[in-house]
């Protein structure tokens, strides 16, 4: 259930399919449909093959560290062979997404991927965190003239500055930097969302979040801090397994993310507004002074016959000390608001 019928004010929510297709094009298309139903704005895939992103080498350098929570000791070639999205799937995924009103784009990992995606007329590009140091790739993407989203996970401030410079040198004018913790899954403690306003000011760009934490809380916090883009991995059901499933949202959670980010942005409101028209009924029910027991003319106002109670209508509670001890000029019944005319 949506919290409002008004147009959404939250950031662009990007659902990353990544390897959650589990090797099935029909499943990938089902994820696209679920994303559209959720109210998210965009769907993203990744464009590489095991041979374009790494080498088929089995040595310690080409293996994920043994202690990695999800992919420990797997060779990079084996991992990417499982996770990649076949290039012949791109067109049907993009076509369905567009039919359903979604923005559809991808992350390229080498120059052949950029050339291929250009034939599919993608409207924008994403640079992955680890490729923040691949300045030739960043320049090539920038030369397409399309908006660029760059994740800054693993990047130092110097490396991020170099990436932004490379993008601008290539001709990019629409750049968004995403705060990101390149850990799977990531802990909220490592999100460091306060980087976002700093990046915005330092580099004069839009900012957002690529979120690998569990749940939606970190993303909602990012929306409140000014994120214009939120990216989350999405699957049909985590129980289905897959290389990314452990830290991915299910469709119902994606809907909660969309609505939560929208609510966070709406809740910021204005620092100039205090009491609002939404509080009119509560304002009417604020306490004031009332006659709390029947009195007759000549009776003295005491704590037993005058009290501060809800609702409003009588003198403000601050006047109680000035009222007590005064003499009633006329009869007054229980429930009558206290005014100066009574004395």
Foldseek 3Di string as FASTA:
>chain_A
DFPDPDPFDFAQEEAEAFQQCQPPLVQLLVQLVLCLVLVHAAYEYADDALVRQHDPDQDPVQADDQPAPFGHGHGSSVQRNRGHDPLVSQLVSCVSNVVSNHQYYYEYDDDVRVVSVVVVVRQEYEHEQVCLQVLVVLLVRLLVQHAYEYENAPHDPVSNVSSLVSSVVSPHDAYEYAQEHPGAQDDLVPSPLVVQVVCCVVRVHAYAHEHQHAAQPSRLVNLLVRHNYYYFYEHQALVVPTRRSVRGHHSVRSSVNSSSSSVSNVVVPDPVDDDDPVCVVVLQFAWAKFQAAKDAFFDFDDCNGIDTHTDDDAHHPVCVVVRGGDTFRGIDHHGHHHDPNRD
